[in-house]
Amino acid sequence: MKTTKLTTHNIMFTQTMVWDGQNSDLNLGLILGKKRNYIIDTGLGSDSVAPILEHISHDTKPIVVVNTHSCFDHIWGNWVFESSLIISHILCRDSIREDWDHVIQTYSEHINGEARRCLPNLVFEKNLYFPEDGIEIFHTPGHTPGCISVYDTVDKVLYAGDNIGDTDDEIVPAIWTDLATFQRLIKTYKEYDFNFCISGHNKPQTKEVLSRMEDALPEVWGKQNNRE
């Protein structure tokens, strides 16, 4: 697994997953807070999060896990942290609960280590704040209705999950909401002063990514909905 230190407190862990016969990056995040350590998404199972746990093995601060959304490659390692705080949007938890059996059977070949069902134990609808660490967690429907984002106000790093496309050539992701919702998402992100944006599968982006997404959105939306 590749480790990228973005700032003093923000580290990105990247593993390779195979999707549709192609290699793809899968990014997990770590924020070293003053009071807590925050792990952003838990990947494909226990082996996905093992390098993060090794990195903080001598750190006694409590761990807070954040699931940016319910897709399996972001939540299968939750069970490793079942005694910790695991946060998601309420729609995300509902989706994990309803879809678990079908998804684990359909995509079991992607399991990295061991995967067990473990639902988030703290859900919200709009915003959560951890002021001691300068962390804001907020609802950002776009890729899915239950997507959330994490903003580190100290180092100005935004974690967007799969609300950013997987590659620069496909900078707008698959949209399972609607066009107006995704337009509001871009507008919301523009309100945040960030130096880096970390997504689930792409390389770190600057704020310029929002303009590219805005420009590409009409064509992508048309293709996704056969409206060319």
Foldseek 3Di string as FASTA:
>chain_A
DDWDDPDPFKIKDWDWFADPNDTFIFIWMWGRFPQEIEIEFQFQAQVSCVVVCVVCVVPPHAYEYEQQAQPNRRHQHVVVVLVGAYEWAPVRLVCCVVCVVVRCVVPVVRHDPGGDRHGGPYHDHAWDDDVRGQKIKGQQAWQHNGGIKIARPVQQEIEGEPCAPQEPVCGGHRGPPDLVSNVVNLVVVVVGRHQWYHYGTYDIDGNVSSVVCVVCVVVVRCVNVVND
